[in-house]
Amino acid sequence: MATEKQRQAAKKNIKKAQPEGRARKKPGATGEGNYYHIDVRPKGEFSTFRTQDIGGPGHLLRVAGKRSSGSWSTAAWLISKDDAHVENDKLVGDTKDAKDLLKNLRSTPVHLSGDRFKATDRPDVPERSKPTAAQTRARRENIKTAQAARRKKT
């Protein structure tokens, strides 16, 4: 049997109930935050998230997600409102880092609502054009570094 206090609490809780639920708004949905959010991959693909500063602290942030397989991938990008602005529903970079990030995305960010945008990560490079010049250059540098380390060791 419920006590009078429990009955009153139940009535109060019923009055509080909302048809859509009382869930909090997603970050960036209101447009009042300090960052523009660019979602690159669906949140459901990841089990854990970690934020990394890219360049100067607090300007560009990479939200990395860990998959169930253990691999890490970019889930979203956060660009400080000091480094970019919205012009005709398009995100425009004001600093070099922000411009580079927006240029390196595979698609231009599409405005969803508030401060939220959706885009796809990195351009898709076909296998026939690999290794790219950057990959060849990086491989050469890695080989030189390994050779120098081996020479120092002996």
C-alpha atoms as a PDB file:
ATOM      1  CA  MET A   1       0.000   0.000   0.000  1.00  0.00           C
ATOM      2  CA  ALA A   2       1.358   3.429  -0.948  1.00  0.00           C
ATOM      3  CA  THR A   3       1.678   6.149   1.659  1.00  0.00           C
ATOM      4  CA  GLU A   4       0.062   9.551   1.254  1.00  0.00           C
ATOM      5  CA  LYS A   5       3.490  11.086   0.568  1.00  0.00           C
ATOM      6  CA  GLN A   6       4.119   8.546  -2.259  1.00  0.00           C
ATOM      7  CA  ARG A   7       0.691   9.266  -3.810  1.00  0.00           C
ATOM      8  CA  GLN A   8       1.402  13.006  -3.803  1.00  0.00           C
ATOM      9  CA  ALA A   9       4.828  12.437  -5.386  1.00  0.00           C
ATOM     10  CA  ALA A  10       3.251  10.247  -8.086  1.00  0.00           C
ATOM     11  CA  LYS A  11       0.656  12.928  -8.908  1.00  0.00           C
ATOM     12  CA  LYS A  12       3.404  15.561  -9.091  1.00  0.00           C
ATOM     13  CA  ASN A  13       5.500  13.348 -11.424  1.00  0.00           C
ATOM     14  CA  ILE A  14       2.523  12.792 -13.738  1.00  0.00           C
ATOM     15  CA  LYS A  15       2.058  16.556 -14.040  1.00  0.00           C
ATOM     16  CA  LYS A  16       5.752  16.934 -14.909  1.00  0.00           C
ATOM     17  CA  ALA A  17       5.626  14.353 -17.718  1.00  0.00           C
ATOM     18  CA  GLN A  18       6.050  15.801 -21.194  1.00  0.00           C
ATOM     19  CA  PRO A  19       4.794  14.121 -24.394  1.00  0.00           C
ATOM     20  CA  GLU A  20       8.187  14.548 -26.160  1.00  0.00           C
ATOM     21  CA  GLY A  21      10.203  13.794 -23.025  1.00  0.00           C
ATOM     22  CA  ARG A  22      12.451  16.064 -21.008  1.00  0.00           C
ATOM     23  CA  ALA A  23      15.773  15.194 -22.632  1.00  0.00           C
ATOM     24  CA  ARG A  24      18.404  17.906 -22.762  1.00  0.00           C
ATOM     25  CA  LYS A  25      19.132  19.635 -26.043  1.00  0.00           C
ATOM     26  CA  LYS A  26      22.129  18.382 -28.058  1.00  0.00           C
ATOM     27  CA  PRO A  27      25.270  20.517 -27.823  1.00  0.00           C
ATOM     28  CA  GLY A  28      25.175  23.169 -30.544  1.00  0.00           C
ATOM     29  CA  ALA A  29      21.419  22.874 -31.109  1.00  0.00           C
ATOM     30  CA  THR A  30      20.582  26.239 -29.531  1.00  0.00           C
ATOM     31  CA  GLY A  31      23.281  28.308 -31.251  1.00  0.00           C
ATOM     32  CA  GLU A  32      24.488  29.767 -27.943  1.00  0.00           C
ATOM     33  CA  GLY A  33      27.768  27.817 -27.574  1.00  0.00           C
ATOM     34  CA  ASN A  34      31.372  28.772 -28.288  1.00  0.00           C
ATOM     35  CA  TYR A  35      31.913  26.322 -31.161  1.00  0.00           C
ATOM     36  CA  TYR A  36      30.495  25.293 -34.513  1.00  0.00           C
ATOM     37  CA  HIS A  37      29.999  21.502 -34.558  1.00  0.00           C
ATOM     38  CA  ILE A  38      30.748  19.637 -37.789  1.00  0.00           C
ATOM     39  CA  ASP A  39      29.529  16.042 -37.510  1.00  0.00           C
ATOM     40  CA  VAL A  40      31.594  13.755 -39.737  1.00  0.00           C
ATOM     41  CA  ARG A  41      30.412  10.277 -38.713  1.00  0.00           C
ATOM     42  CA  PRO A  42      27.323   9.015 -36.855  1.00  0.00           C
ATOM     43  CA  LYS A  43      27.646   8.942 -33.077  1.00  0.00           C
ATOM     44  CA  GLY A  44      26.335   5.371 -32.930  1.00  0.00           C
ATOM     45  CA  GLU A  45      29.515   4.006 -34.558  1.00  0.00           C
ATOM     46  CA  PHE A  46      31.537   4.772 -31.416  1.00  0.00           C
ATOM     47  CA  SER A  47      31.640   3.642 -27.802  1.00  0.00           C
ATOM     48  CA  THR A  48      33.981   6.277 -26.320  1.00  0.00           C
ATOM     49  CA  PHE A  49      34.894   9.852 -27.251  1.00  0.00           C
ATOM     50  CA  ARG A  50      37.955  12.016 -26.678  1.00  0.00           C
ATOM     51  CA  THR A  51      38.582  15.652 -27.612  1.00  0.00           C
ATOM     52  CA  GLN A  52      41.970  16.767 -28.962  1.00  0.00           C
ATOM     53  CA  ASP A  53      43.230  20.325 -29.427  1.00  0.00           C
ATOM     54  CA  ILE A  54      44.578  20.921 -32.924  1.00  0.00           C
ATOM     55  CA  GLY A  55      46.947  23.873 -33.203  1.00  0.00           C
ATOM     56  CA  GLY A  56      46.377  26.545 -30.534  1.00  0.00           C
ATOM     57  CA  PRO A  57      44.376  25.572 -27.439  1.00  0.00           C
ATOM     58  CA  GLY A  58      40.621  26.048 -27.830  1.00  0.00           C
ATOM     59  CA  HIS A  59      40.530  26.955 -31.519  1.00  0.00           C
ATOM     60  CA  LEU A  60      40.099  23.724 -33.477  1.00  0.00           C
ATOM     61  CA  LEU A  61      39.060  20.583 -31.635  1.00  0.00           C
ATOM     62  CA  ARG A  62      38.912  17.058 -33.056  1.00  0.00           C
ATOM     63  CA  VAL A  63      36.386  14.765 -31.422  1.00  0.00           C
ATOM     64  CA  ALA A  64      37.817  11.269 -31.819  1.00  0.00           C
ATOM     65  CA  GLY A  65      35.630   8.224 -31.331  1.00  0.00           C
ATOM     66  CA  LYS A  66      36.709   4.706 -30.406  1.00  0.00           C
ATOM     67  CA  ARG A  67      34.970   1.888 -32.260  1.00  0.00           C
ATOM     68  CA  SER A  68      34.106  -1.456 -30.685  1.00  0.00           C
ATOM     69  CA  SER A  69      37.016  -2.926 -32.711  1.00  0.00           C
ATOM     70  CA  GLY A  70      39.406  -0.614 -30.834  1.00  0.00           C
ATOM     71  CA  SER A  71      40.270   1.679 -33.752  1.00  0.00           C
ATOM     72  CA  TRP A  72      39.972   5.446 -33.404  1.00  0.00           C
ATOM     73  CA  SER A  73      38.444   7.753 -36.001  1.00  0.00           C
ATOM     74  CA  THR A  74      37.260  11.362 -36.259  1.00  0.00           C
ATOM     75  CA  ALA A  75      33.633  11.667 -35.162  1.00  0.00           C
ATOM     76  CA  ALA A  76      33.310  15.470 -35.336  1.00  0.00           C
ATOM     77  CA  TRP A  77      35.198  18.745 -35.581  1.00  0.00           C
ATOM     78  CA  LEU A  78      34.636  21.784 -33.363  1.00  0.00           C
ATOM     79  CA  ILE A  79      35.645  25.192 -34.709  1.00  0.00           C
ATOM     80  CA  SER A  80      35.735  28.163 -32.348  1.00  0.00           C
ATOM     81  CA  LYS A  81      33.333  30.962 -33.229  1.00  0.00           C
ATOM     82  CA  ASP A  82      36.370  33.284 -33.136  1.00  0.00           C
ATOM     83  CA  ASP A  83      37.867  31.334 -36.059  1.00  0.00           C
ATOM     84  CA  ALA A  84      34.830  31.041 -38.360  1.00  0.00           C
ATOM     85  CA  HIS A  85      31.431  32.539 -39.152  1.00  0.00           C
ATOM     86  CA  VAL A  86      28.233  31.560 -40.957  1.00  0.00           C
ATOM     87  CA  GLU A  87      27.473  33.311 -44.228  1.00  0.00           C
ATOM     88  CA  ASN A  88      24.328  32.358 -46.207  1.00  0.00           C
ATOM     89  CA  ASP A  89      24.020  29.064 -44.268  1.00  0.00           C
ATOM     90  CA  LYS A  90      27.643  28.205 -45.140  1.00  0.00           C
ATOM     91  CA  LEU A  91      30.509  27.949 -42.678  1.00  0.00           C
ATOM     92  CA  VAL A  92      33.380  30.267 -43.649  1.00  0.00           C
ATOM     93  CA  GLY A  93      36.814  30.078 -41.999  1.00  0.00           C
ATOM     94  CA  ASP A  94      38.420  33.278 -40.732  1.00  0.00           C
ATOM     95  CA  THR A  95      41.802  31.830 -39.726  1.00  0.00           C
ATOM     96  CA  LYS A  96      44.247  29.759 -41.782  1.00  0.00           C
ATOM     97  CA  ASP A  97      43.663  26.616 -39.678  1.00  0.00           C
ATOM     98  CA  ALA A  98      39.875  26.855 -40.012  1.00  0.00           C
ATOM     99  CA  LYS A  99      40.109  27.464 -43.767  1.00  0.00           C
ATOM    100  CA  ASP A 100      42.441  24.473 -44.175  1.00  0.00           C
ATOM    101  CA  LEU A 101      40.113  22.204 -42.197  1.00  0.00           C
ATOM    102  CA  LEU A 102      37.050  23.235 -44.224  1.00  0.00           C
ATOM    103  CA  LYS A 103      39.005  22.770 -47.462  1.00  0.00           C
ATOM    104  CA  ASN A 104      40.222  19.289 -46.460  1.00  0.00           C
ATOM    105  CA  LEU A 105      36.739  17.929 -45.750  1.00  0.00           C
ATOM    106  CA  ARG A 106      35.341  15.739 -48.532  1.00  0.00           C
ATOM    107  CA  SER A 107      32.090  17.743 -48.711  1.00  0.00           C
ATOM    108  CA  THR A 108      31.170  21.286 -47.757  1.00  0.00           C
ATOM    109  CA  PRO A 109      29.449  21.419 -44.352  1.00  0.00           C
ATOM    110  CA  VAL A 110      25.632  21.485 -44.605  1.00  0.00           C
ATOM    111  CA  HIS A 111      23.814  23.529 -41.946  1.00  0.00           C
ATOM    112  CA  LEU A 112      21.473  21.445 -39.760  1.00  0.00           C
ATOM    113  CA  SER A 113      20.344  23.753 -36.945  1.00  0.00           C
ATOM    114  CA  GLY A 114      21.853  26.147 -34.425  1.00  0.00           C
ATOM    115  CA  ASP A 115      25.621  25.658 -34.550  1.00  0.00           C
ATOM    116  CA  ARG A 116      25.459  22.136 -36.016  1.00  0.00           C
ATOM    117  CA  PHE A 117      26.727  21.180 -39.476  1.00  0.00           C
ATOM    118  CA  LYS A 118      27.133  17.855 -41.258  1.00  0.00           C
ATOM    119  CA  ALA A 119      29.967  16.905 -43.622  1.00  0.00           C
ATOM    120  CA  THR A 120      32.032  13.910 -44.652  1.00  0.00           C
ATOM    121  CA  ASP A 121      35.646  13.482 -43.667  1.00  0.00           C
ATOM    122  CA  ARG A 122      38.709  13.559 -45.963  1.00  0.00           C
ATOM    123  CA  PRO A 123      38.518  13.213 -49.736  1.00  0.00           C
ATOM    124  CA  ASP A 124      38.360   9.696 -51.129  1.00  0.00           C
ATOM    125  CA  VAL A 125      41.564   8.909 -53.031  1.00  0.00           C
ATOM    126  CA  PRO A 126      41.150   6.119 -55.617  1.00  0.00           C
ATOM    127  CA  GLU A 127      43.610   3.214 -55.386  1.00  0.00           C
ATOM    128  CA  ARG A 128      44.943   3.792 -58.914  1.00  0.00           C
ATOM    129  CA  SER A 129      46.355   7.200 -57.909  1.00  0.00           C
ATOM    130  CA  LYS A 130      48.225   5.822 -54.890  1.00  0.00           C
ATOM    131  CA  PRO A 131      50.809   6.282 -53.594  1.00  0.00           C
ATOM    132  CA  THR A 132      50.137   9.990 -53.577  1.00  0.00           C
ATOM    133  CA  ALA A 133      53.004  12.484 -53.584  1.00  0.00           C
ATOM    134  CA  ALA A 134      52.465  13.100 -49.861  1.00  0.00           C
ATOM    135  CA  GLN A 135      52.597   9.362 -49.083  1.00  0.00           C
ATOM    136  CA  THR A 136      55.818   8.947 -51.103  1.00  0.00           C
ATOM    137  CA  ARG A 137      57.390  11.959 -49.378  1.00  0.00           C
ATOM    138  CA  ALA A 138      56.397  10.687 -45.917  1.00  0.00           C
ATOM    139  CA  ARG A 139      57.778   7.210 -46.675  1.00  0.00           C
ATOM    140  CA  ARG A 140      61.113   8.683 -47.813  1.00  0.00           C
ATOM    141  CA  GLU A 141      61.354  10.797 -44.634  1.00  0.00           C
ATOM    142  CA  ASN A 142      60.538   7.784 -42.444  1.00  0.00           C
ATOM    143  CA  ILE A 143      63.258   5.723 -44.134  1.00  0.00           C
ATOM    144  CA  LYS A 144      65.828   8.512 -43.660  1.00  0.00           C
ATOM    145  CA  THR A 145      64.867   8.841 -39.979  1.00  0.00           C
ATOM    146  CA  ALA A 146      65.193   5.079 -39.436  1.00  0.00           C
ATOM    147  CA  GLN A 147      68.596   5.005 -41.189  1.00  0.00           C
ATOM    148  CA  ALA A 148      69.863   7.931 -39.108  1.00  0.00           C
ATOM    149  CA  ALA A 149      68.701   6.221 -35.898  1.00  0.00           C
ATOM    150  CA  ARG A 150      70.422   2.977 -36.936  1.00  0.00           C
ATOM    151  CA  ARG A 151      73.694   4.867 -37.676  1.00  0.00           C
ATOM    152  CA  LYS A 152      73.598   6.574 -34.270  1.00  0.00           C
ATOM    153  CA  LYS A 153      73.042   3.228 -32.551  1.00  0.00           C
ATOM    154  CA  THR A 154      76.296   1.701 -33.860  1.00  0.00           C
END
